[in-house]
Amino acid sequence: MKHPVDAHVGKRIRHRRWMVGMTQQQLADKVGIKFQQIQKYETGMNRVSASRLWDIADALGVTISFFFEGLVEGTPSAQTAGGDMMADKEALELVRSYYAIPEAQRRRLFDLARVLSEAA
């Protein structure tokens, strides 16, 4: 049976990997393991050791604490357990694409999106 913390950490690994546009194979290569192990981590089927989480955090450019954000006393908060927008692959791709835009144009796009959402 999956522990909720292992499942949460796995989701955070998957989300960050998607955000940086990395495949499971690429992450596995950077960490020195097989991609199947990344799959098991991301589903929460296997626990990630402290040293492996350190390597994954380094490969994904985040701190270790990133993987535990959204946990409240060892369980996912209601927000992360239920309507997690970042679990939607389309939303993740949109965010990744947004940050690929140069900053000046990104700011203008953000202002446009705000105006459109207020008009809706």
N, C-alpha and C. Protein backbone atom coordinates (compact mmCIF):
# COMPACT_ATOMS: atom_id res chain seq x y z
N MET A 1 0.84 -1.19 0.00
CA MET A 1 0.00 0.00 0.00
C MET A 1 0.88 1.24 0.00
N LYS A 2 0.51 2.20 -0.83
CA LYS A 2 1.28 3.43 -0.92
C LYS A 2 1.07 4.30 0.30
N HIS A 3 2.14 4.88 0.77
CA HIS A 3 2.04 5.87 1.84
C HIS A 3 1.72 7.21 1.18
N PRO A 4 0.82 8.01 1.75
CA PRO A 4 0.45 9.29 1.12
C PRO A 4 1.64 10.23 0.88
N VAL A 5 2.63 10.19 1.75
CA VAL A 5 3.79 11.06 1.56
C VAL A 5 4.60 10.60 0.35
N ASP A 6 4.77 9.29 0.18
CA ASP A 6 5.50 8.77 -0.98
C ASP A 6 4.78 9.14 -2.27
N ALA A 7 3.46 9.04 -2.28
CA ALA A 7 2.68 9.40 -3.46
C ALA A 7 2.82 10.89 -3.75
N HIS A 8 2.80 11.72 -2.70
CA HIS A 8 2.92 13.18 -2.87
C HIS A 8 4.30 13.54 -3.44
N VAL A 9 5.35 12.96 -2.86
CA VAL A 9 6.70 13.24 -3.34
C VAL A 9 6.82 12.80 -4.80
N GLY A 10 6.26 11.65 -5.13
CA GLY A 10 6.30 11.17 -6.51
C GLY A 10 5.60 12.11 -7.48
N LYS A 11 4.45 12.64 -7.06
CA LYS A 11 3.72 13.61 -7.91
C LYS A 11 4.55 14.86 -8.12
N ARG A 12 5.21 15.30 -7.06
CA ARG A 12 6.03 16.51 -7.17
C ARG A 12 7.23 16.28 -8.08
N ILE A 13 7.80 15.07 -8.05
CA ILE A 13 8.89 14.74 -8.97
C ILE A 13 8.38 14.81 -10.40
N ARG A 14 7.23 14.17 -10.65
CA ARG A 14 6.66 14.15 -12.00
C ARG A 14 6.33 15.57 -12.48
N HIS A 15 5.71 16.37 -11.62
CA HIS A 15 5.35 17.74 -12.01
C HIS A 15 6.58 18.55 -12.36
N ARG A 16 7.59 18.47 -11.53
CA ARG A 16 8.81 19.25 -11.80
C ARG A 16 9.47 18.77 -13.08
N ARG A 17 9.51 17.46 -13.30
CA ARG A 17 10.10 16.91 -14.51
C ARG A 17 9.37 17.43 -15.74
N TRP A 18 8.03 17.44 -15.68
CA TRP A 18 7.23 17.98 -16.78
C TRP A 18 7.52 19.46 -16.98
N MET A 19 7.63 20.20 -15.89
CA MET A 19 7.84 21.65 -15.97
C MET A 19 9.15 21.99 -16.69
N VAL A 20 10.16 21.19 -16.45
CA VAL A 20 11.45 21.47 -17.10
C VAL A 20 11.58 20.77 -18.44
N GLY A 21 10.54 20.03 -18.84
CA GLY A 21 10.54 19.38 -20.15
C GLY A 21 11.49 18.20 -20.25
N MET A 22 11.62 17.47 -19.16
CA MET A 22 12.54 16.33 -19.11
C MET A 22 11.75 15.03 -19.16
N THR A 23 12.26 14.05 -19.89
CA THR A 23 11.62 12.73 -19.92
C THR A 23 12.07 11.91 -18.72
N GLN A 24 11.36 10.83 -18.46
CA GLN A 24 11.77 9.93 -17.39
C GLN A 24 13.16 9.38 -17.68
N GLN A 25 13.43 9.07 -18.93
CA GLN A 25 14.75 8.53 -19.32
C GLN A 25 15.85 9.55 -19.06
N GLN A 26 15.61 10.81 -19.40
CA GLN A 26 16.62 11.84 -19.18
C GLN A 26 16.91 12.02 -17.70
N LEU A 27 15.85 12.02 -16.88
CA LEU A 27 16.06 12.15 -15.44
C LEU A 27 16.81 10.94 -14.90
N ALA A 28 16.41 9.76 -15.35
CA ALA A 28 17.08 8.53 -14.90
C ALA A 28 18.57 8.57 -15.26
N ASP A 29 18.88 9.03 -16.46
CA ASP A 29 20.29 9.11 -16.89
C ASP A 29 21.06 10.07 -16.00
N LYS A 30 20.46 11.21 -15.66
CA LYS A 30 21.14 12.20 -14.81
C LYS A 30 21.39 11.66 -13.41
N VAL A 31 20.46 10.83 -12.94
CA VAL A 31 20.54 10.31 -11.57
C VAL A 31 21.32 8.99 -11.52
N GLY A 32 21.45 8.32 -12.67
CA GLY A 32 22.20 7.08 -12.71
C GLY A 32 21.39 5.84 -12.38
N ILE A 33 20.09 5.86 -12.75
CA ILE A 33 19.23 4.71 -12.52
C ILE A 33 18.43 4.43 -13.79
N LYS A 34 17.62 3.39 -13.77
CA LYS A 34 16.78 3.06 -14.93
C LYS A 34 15.48 3.86 -14.87
N PHE A 35 14.93 4.14 -16.06
CA PHE A 35 13.72 4.96 -16.11
C PHE A 35 12.55 4.29 -15.40
N GLN A 36 12.55 2.95 -15.34
CA GLN A 36 11.47 2.24 -14.65
C GLN A 36 11.44 2.61 -13.17
N GLN A 37 12.61 2.88 -12.61
CA GLN A 37 12.66 3.28 -11.20
C GLN A 37 12.04 4.66 -11.03
N ILE A 38 12.27 5.56 -11.99
CA ILE A 38 11.63 6.88 -11.95
C ILE A 38 10.12 6.70 -11.98
N GLN A 39 9.63 5.80 -12.84
CA GLN A 39 8.19 5.52 -12.91
C GLN A 39 7.66 5.09 -11.54
N LYS A 40 8.38 4.21 -10.87
CA LYS A 40 7.94 3.72 -9.56
C LYS A 40 7.95 4.83 -8.52
N TYR A 41 8.95 5.71 -8.59
CA TYR A 41 8.99 6.85 -7.67
C TYR A 41 7.79 7.77 -7.92
N GLU A 42 7.53 8.06 -9.19
CA GLU A 42 6.47 9.01 -9.54
C GLU A 42 5.08 8.51 -9.17
N THR A 43 4.89 7.21 -9.17
CA THR A 43 3.58 6.67 -8.77
C THR A 43 3.49 6.43 -7.27
N GLY A 44 4.60 6.56 -6.57
CA GLY A 44 4.60 6.32 -5.13
C GLY A 44 4.72 4.85 -4.78
N MET A 45 4.93 4.00 -5.78
CA MET A 45 5.05 2.57 -5.51
C MET A 45 6.36 2.25 -4.77
N ASN A 46 7.41 3.00 -5.08
CA ASN A 46 8.68 2.85 -4.37
C ASN A 46 9.00 4.15 -3.65
N ARG A 47 9.54 4.01 -2.47
CA ARG A 47 9.98 5.18 -1.72
C ARG A 47 11.31 5.67 -2.25
N VAL A 48 11.50 6.97 -2.20
CA VAL A 48 12.75 7.57 -2.65
C VAL A 48 13.64 7.75 -1.42
N SER A 49 14.85 7.19 -1.48
CA SER A 49 15.77 7.36 -0.36
C SER A 49 16.23 8.82 -0.29
N ALA A 50 16.77 9.20 0.85
CA ALA A 50 17.23 10.58 1.04
C ALA A 50 18.31 10.94 0.03
N SER A 51 19.27 10.04 -0.18
CA SER A 51 20.36 10.35 -1.12
C SER A 51 19.85 10.42 -2.55
N ARG A 52 18.90 9.57 -2.91
CA ARG A 52 18.33 9.59 -4.26
C ARG A 52 17.50 10.87 -4.46
N LEU A 53 16.74 11.27 -3.43
CA LEU A 53 15.96 12.50 -3.53
C LEU A 53 16.89 13.70 -3.69
N TRP A 54 18.03 13.66 -3.03
CA TRP A 54 19.03 14.71 -3.17
C TRP A 54 19.48 14.81 -4.62
N ASP A 55 19.79 13.65 -5.24
CA ASP A 55 20.23 13.62 -6.63
C ASP A 55 19.13 14.10 -7.58
N ILE A 56 17.88 13.69 -7.32
CA ILE A 56 16.76 14.10 -8.16
C ILE A 56 16.54 15.61 -8.06
N ALA A 57 16.60 16.13 -6.83
CA ALA A 57 16.44 17.57 -6.64
C ALA A 57 17.52 18.33 -7.41
N ASP A 58 18.73 17.86 -7.34
CA ASP A 58 19.83 18.50 -8.07
C ASP A 58 19.59 18.45 -9.58
N ALA A 59 19.17 17.30 -10.08
CA ALA A 59 18.92 17.14 -11.52
C ALA A 59 17.77 18.02 -12.00
N LEU A 60 16.80 18.25 -11.13
CA LEU A 60 15.62 19.04 -11.50
C LEU A 60 15.73 20.51 -11.10
N GLY A 61 16.83 20.87 -10.45
CA GLY A 61 17.08 22.27 -10.11
C GLY A 61 16.18 22.82 -9.01
N VAL A 62 15.87 22.00 -8.02
CA VAL A 62 15.04 22.45 -6.89
C VAL A 62 15.70 22.01 -5.58
N THR A 63 15.20 22.55 -4.49
CA THR A 63 15.65 22.10 -3.18
C THR A 63 14.84 20.88 -2.77
N ILE A 64 15.34 20.14 -1.82
CA ILE A 64 14.63 18.96 -1.32
C ILE A 64 13.24 19.34 -0.80
N SER A 65 13.14 20.50 -0.17
CA SER A 65 11.86 20.90 0.42
C SER A 65 10.76 21.04 -0.63
N PHE A 66 11.13 21.29 -1.89
CA PHE A 66 10.14 21.40 -2.97
C PHE A 66 9.22 20.19 -3.00
N PHE A 67 9.77 19.00 -2.78
CA PHE A 67 9.00 17.77 -2.90
C PHE A 67 8.00 17.59 -1.77
N PHE A 68 8.17 18.33 -0.69
CA PHE A 68 7.27 18.21 0.46
C PHE A 68 6.28 19.36 0.57
N GLU A 69 6.38 20.34 -0.33
CA GLU A 69 5.43 21.44 -0.31
C GLU A 69 4.02 20.92 -0.53
N GLY A 70 3.07 21.45 0.24
CA GLY A 70 1.69 21.02 0.12
C GLY A 70 1.30 19.92 1.10
N LEU A 71 2.26 19.43 1.88
CA LEU A 71 1.95 18.44 2.91
C LEU A 71 1.58 19.14 4.21
N VAL A 72 0.56 18.64 4.87
CA VAL A 72 0.16 19.15 6.17
C VAL A 72 0.18 17.98 7.13
N GLU A 73 1.11 18.01 8.08
CA GLU A 73 1.26 16.93 9.06
C GLU A 73 1.31 15.56 8.42
N GLY A 74 2.14 15.43 7.37
CA GLY A 74 2.39 14.13 6.78
C GLY A 74 1.38 13.65 5.76
N THR A 75 0.36 14.45 5.46
CA THR A 75 -0.60 14.05 4.44
C THR A 75 -0.83 15.22 3.49
N PRO A 76 -1.16 14.91 2.23
CA PRO A 76 -1.42 16.01 1.31
C PRO A 76 -2.57 16.88 1.81
N SER A 77 -2.43 18.19 1.65
CA SER A 77 -3.51 19.08 2.06
C SER A 77 -4.70 18.89 1.14
N ALA A 78 -5.85 19.39 1.53
CA ALA A 78 -7.06 19.25 0.72
C ALA A 78 -6.85 19.84 -0.67
N GLN A 79 -6.09 20.92 -0.75
CA GLN A 79 -5.85 21.57 -2.04
C GLN A 79 -5.04 20.66 -2.95
N THR A 80 -3.96 20.04 -2.44
CA THR A 80 -3.14 19.21 -3.30
C THR A 80 -3.76 17.85 -3.52
N ALA A 81 -4.57 17.38 -2.61
CA ALA A 81 -5.19 16.07 -2.77
C ALA A 81 -6.32 16.10 -3.79
N GLY A 82 -7.03 17.19 -3.85
CA GLY A 82 -8.19 17.26 -4.75
C GLY A 82 -7.89 18.00 -6.02
N GLY A 83 -8.34 19.25 -6.11
CA GLY A 83 -8.25 20.01 -7.34
C GLY A 83 -6.88 20.57 -7.62
N ASP A 84 -5.93 19.73 -7.84
CA ASP A 84 -4.57 20.16 -8.13
C ASP A 84 -4.45 20.50 -9.61
N MET A 85 -4.48 21.78 -9.92
CA MET A 85 -4.41 22.21 -11.30
C MET A 85 -3.14 21.72 -11.96
N MET A 86 -2.06 21.63 -11.21
CA MET A 86 -0.79 21.23 -11.80
C MET A 86 -0.74 19.73 -12.10
N ALA A 87 -1.78 18.99 -11.75
CA ALA A 87 -1.85 17.58 -12.15
C ALA A 87 -2.35 17.48 -13.59
N ASP A 88 -2.86 18.56 -14.14
CA ASP A 88 -3.37 18.61 -15.50
C ASP A 88 -2.19 18.86 -16.45
N LYS A 89 -1.94 17.91 -17.34
CA LYS A 89 -0.80 18.00 -18.24
C LYS A 89 -0.87 19.25 -19.12
N GLU A 90 -2.09 19.63 -19.53
CA GLU A 90 -2.26 20.83 -20.35
C GLU A 90 -1.85 22.07 -19.58
N ALA A 91 -2.23 22.16 -18.31
CA ALA A 91 -1.84 23.31 -17.49
C ALA A 91 -0.33 23.38 -17.34
N LEU A 92 0.30 22.22 -17.13
CA LEU A 92 1.75 22.20 -17.00
C LEU A 92 2.43 22.65 -18.29
N GLU A 93 1.91 22.20 -19.42
CA GLU A 93 2.49 22.60 -20.69
C GLU A 93 2.31 24.10 -20.93
N LEU A 94 1.16 24.62 -20.52
CA LEU A 94 0.92 26.05 -20.66
C LEU A 94 1.92 26.85 -19.82
N VAL A 95 2.14 26.42 -18.59
CA VAL A 95 3.09 27.12 -17.72
C VAL A 95 4.50 27.03 -18.28
N ARG A 96 4.88 25.85 -18.76
CA ARG A 96 6.22 25.67 -19.34
C ARG A 96 6.39 26.58 -20.56
N SER A 97 5.39 26.62 -21.41
CA SER A 97 5.45 27.48 -22.60
C SER A 97 5.52 28.96 -22.21
N TYR A 98 4.74 29.33 -21.19
CA TYR A 98 4.73 30.72 -20.71
C TYR A 98 6.13 31.16 -20.29
N TYR A 99 6.82 30.32 -19.53
CA TYR A 99 8.14 30.70 -19.05
C TYR A 99 9.22 30.60 -20.12
N ALA A 100 8.90 30.02 -21.26
CA ALA A 100 9.85 29.98 -22.37
C ALA A 100 9.83 31.29 -23.17
N ILE A 101 8.81 32.11 -22.96
CA ILE A 101 8.68 33.40 -23.64
C ILE A 101 9.61 34.41 -22.96
N PRO A 102 10.30 35.25 -23.75
CA PRO A 102 11.16 36.28 -23.14
C PRO A 102 10.35 37.16 -22.17
N GLU A 103 11.01 37.63 -21.14
CA GLU A 103 10.33 38.30 -20.03
C GLU A 103 9.45 39.48 -20.46
N ALA A 104 9.93 40.33 -21.35
CA ALA A 104 9.14 41.50 -21.75
C ALA A 104 7.82 41.09 -22.40
N GLN A 105 7.89 40.12 -23.33
CA GLN A 105 6.67 39.65 -23.98
C GLN A 105 5.80 38.87 -23.01
N ARG A 106 6.44 38.14 -22.10
CA ARG A 106 5.69 37.37 -21.11
C ARG A 106 4.86 38.29 -20.24
N ARG A 107 5.40 39.42 -19.86
CA ARG A 107 4.66 40.39 -19.03
C ARG A 107 3.46 40.93 -19.79
N ARG A 108 3.64 41.20 -21.08
CA ARG A 108 2.53 41.71 -21.89
C ARG A 108 1.45 40.64 -22.05
N LEU A 109 1.86 39.40 -22.22
CA LEU A 109 0.90 38.30 -22.32
C LEU A 109 0.13 38.14 -21.01
N PHE A 110 0.83 38.27 -19.90
CA PHE A 110 0.20 38.18 -18.59
C PHE A 110 -0.86 39.28 -18.43
N ASP A 111 -0.50 40.50 -18.81
CA ASP A 111 -1.45 41.62 -18.73
C ASP A 111 -2.67 41.37 -19.61
N LEU A 112 -2.45 40.84 -20.80
CA LEU A 112 -3.56 40.51 -21.70
C LEU A 112 -4.46 39.45 -21.08
N ALA A 113 -3.87 38.41 -20.53
CA ALA A 113 -4.65 37.34 -19.91
C ALA A 113 -5.47 37.87 -18.74
N ARG A 114 -4.91 38.76 -17.96
CA ARG A 114 -5.63 39.35 -16.83
C ARG A 114 -6.84 40.15 -17.33
N VAL A 115 -6.65 40.96 -18.36
CA VAL A 115 -7.74 41.77 -18.92
C VAL A 115 -8.84 40.85 -19.46
N LEU A 116 -8.45 39.81 -20.19
CA LEU A 116 -9.43 38.87 -20.75
C LEU A 116 -10.21 38.14 -19.67
N SER A 117 -9.53 37.76 -18.59
CA SER A 117 -10.22 37.04 -17.50
C SER A 117 -11.19 37.97 -16.75
N GLU A 118 -10.84 39.23 -16.64
CA GLU A 118 -11.73 40.19 -15.98
C GLU A 118 -12.95 40.48 -16.84
N ALA A 119 -12.78 40.40 -18.16
CA ALA A 119 -13.89 40.67 -19.08
C ALA A 119 -14.84 39.48 -19.20
N ALA A 120 -14.34 38.31 -18.84
CA ALA A 120 -15.17 37.08 -18.99
C ALA A 120 -16.28 37.00 -17.97
